[in-house]
Each structure stands twice: as structure tokens, then as C-alpha cells.
Protein backbone atom coordinates (compact mmCIF):
# COMPACT_ATOMS: atom_id res chain seq x y z
CA MET A 1 31.82 -23.03 -52.37
CA PRO A 2 28.89 -20.78 -53.42
CA GLN A 3 29.47 -18.58 -50.36
CA VAL A 4 33.05 -18.01 -51.46
CA LEU A 5 31.86 -16.94 -54.91
CA VAL A 6 29.31 -14.58 -53.41
CA GLN A 7 32.00 -13.04 -51.19
CA VAL A 8 34.38 -12.64 -54.13
CA VAL A 9 31.72 -10.95 -56.27
CA THR A 10 30.73 -8.72 -53.36
CA PHE A 11 34.34 -7.74 -52.69
CA LEU A 12 35.45 -7.24 -56.30
CA THR A 13 32.12 -6.10 -57.79
CA PRO A 14 30.84 -7.91 -60.89
CA VAL A 15 33.25 -6.04 -63.18
CA GLY A 16 36.24 -6.94 -61.02
CA THR A 17 35.11 -10.54 -60.96
CA LEU A 18 34.90 -10.62 -64.77
CA VAL A 19 38.38 -9.12 -65.05
CA LEU A 20 39.74 -11.71 -62.61
CA LEU A 21 38.04 -14.50 -64.55
CA ALA A 22 39.46 -13.21 -67.84
CA LEU A 23 42.95 -13.06 -66.36
CA LEU A 24 42.68 -16.59 -65.00
CA LEU A 25 41.42 -17.94 -68.32
CA GLY A 26 44.17 -16.10 -70.18
CA PHE A 27 46.76 -17.45 -67.76
CA ALA A 28 45.43 -20.99 -68.22
CA GLY A 29 45.37 -20.58 -71.99
CA VAL A 30 48.96 -19.39 -72.22
CA VAL A 31 50.89 -20.86 -69.30
CA PHE A 32 49.51 -24.39 -69.38
CA PRO A 33 50.46 -24.99 -73.04
CA ALA A 34 53.88 -23.50 -72.36
CA VAL A 35 54.48 -25.97 -69.56
CA TRP A 36 52.71 -29.17 -70.60
CA SER A 37 52.77 -29.31 -74.38
CA HIS A 38 54.71 -32.15 -75.95
CA HIS A 39 55.28 -30.11 -79.08
CA PRO A 40 58.24 -27.72 -78.98
CA TYR A 41 56.62 -25.25 -81.40
CA ARG A 42 53.59 -24.91 -79.13
CA ARG A 43 55.80 -24.35 -76.09
CA GLU A 44 57.83 -21.72 -77.95
CA ALA A 45 54.70 -19.94 -79.19
CA ALA A 46 53.14 -19.96 -75.74
CA HIS A 47 56.41 -18.65 -74.28
CA ARG A 48 56.49 -15.77 -76.77
CA VAL A 49 52.88 -14.86 -75.99
CA LEU A 50 53.55 -15.03 -72.25
CA VAL A 51 56.59 -12.75 -72.58
CA LEU A 52 54.51 -10.30 -74.64
CA LEU A 53 51.66 -10.31 -72.11
CA LEU A 54 54.03 -9.77 -69.19
CA ARG A 55 55.75 -6.90 -71.01
CA VAL A 56 52.39 -5.22 -71.73
CA ALA A 57 51.29 -5.74 -68.12
CA ARG A 58 54.54 -4.23 -66.82
CA GLU A 59 54.20 -1.19 -69.09
CA GLY A 60 50.55 -0.78 -68.07
CA LEU A 61 51.42 -0.91 -64.39
CA ARG A 62 54.21 1.59 -64.96
CA ALA A 63 51.74 3.94 -66.65
CA VAL A 64 49.25 3.56 -63.80
CA ARG A 65 51.96 4.28 -61.23
CA THR A 66 53.00 7.38 -63.17
CA LEU A 67 49.43 8.67 -63.26
CA TRP A 68 48.86 7.75 -59.62
CA SER A 69 51.93 9.64 -58.41
CA ARG A 70 50.82 12.94 -60.00
């Protein structure tokens, strides 16, 4: 397991590894409550946040593609 972590950090650089970790923690903090919560209000709130995050990510990728194509 430690060798895998070393290879990931080497491949992504420390900054890339931190970004990946932040994305995974954000995913776990939003998607898991949306799926496994017994309370409907928590599922609805997590769903709204997930939709918002996906919309922002889509717009960000669109902006990057626009800048990349120039």
C-alpha cells in the first residue's frame, strides 16, 4: 500500500495529490449522504449540493476547453 501512495504522489505531484484527496473527500461528503441517509431532507439537500457541484464542474471544464482550443 505505501508503494502505491508513493507512486501516486510521484505521478500527480503533491499538489495534484491534495486536489485528488479534496475531490474524494468532497465526493464522500456529498454523495454518501445522498444515497444512504434515512432522512429525506438530508437526501434532498445532498442532491441539491451534488447538482450544484456538477454544474460548476461542467462550466469549469467548458471554460478550460475554450481556453485550451485558442
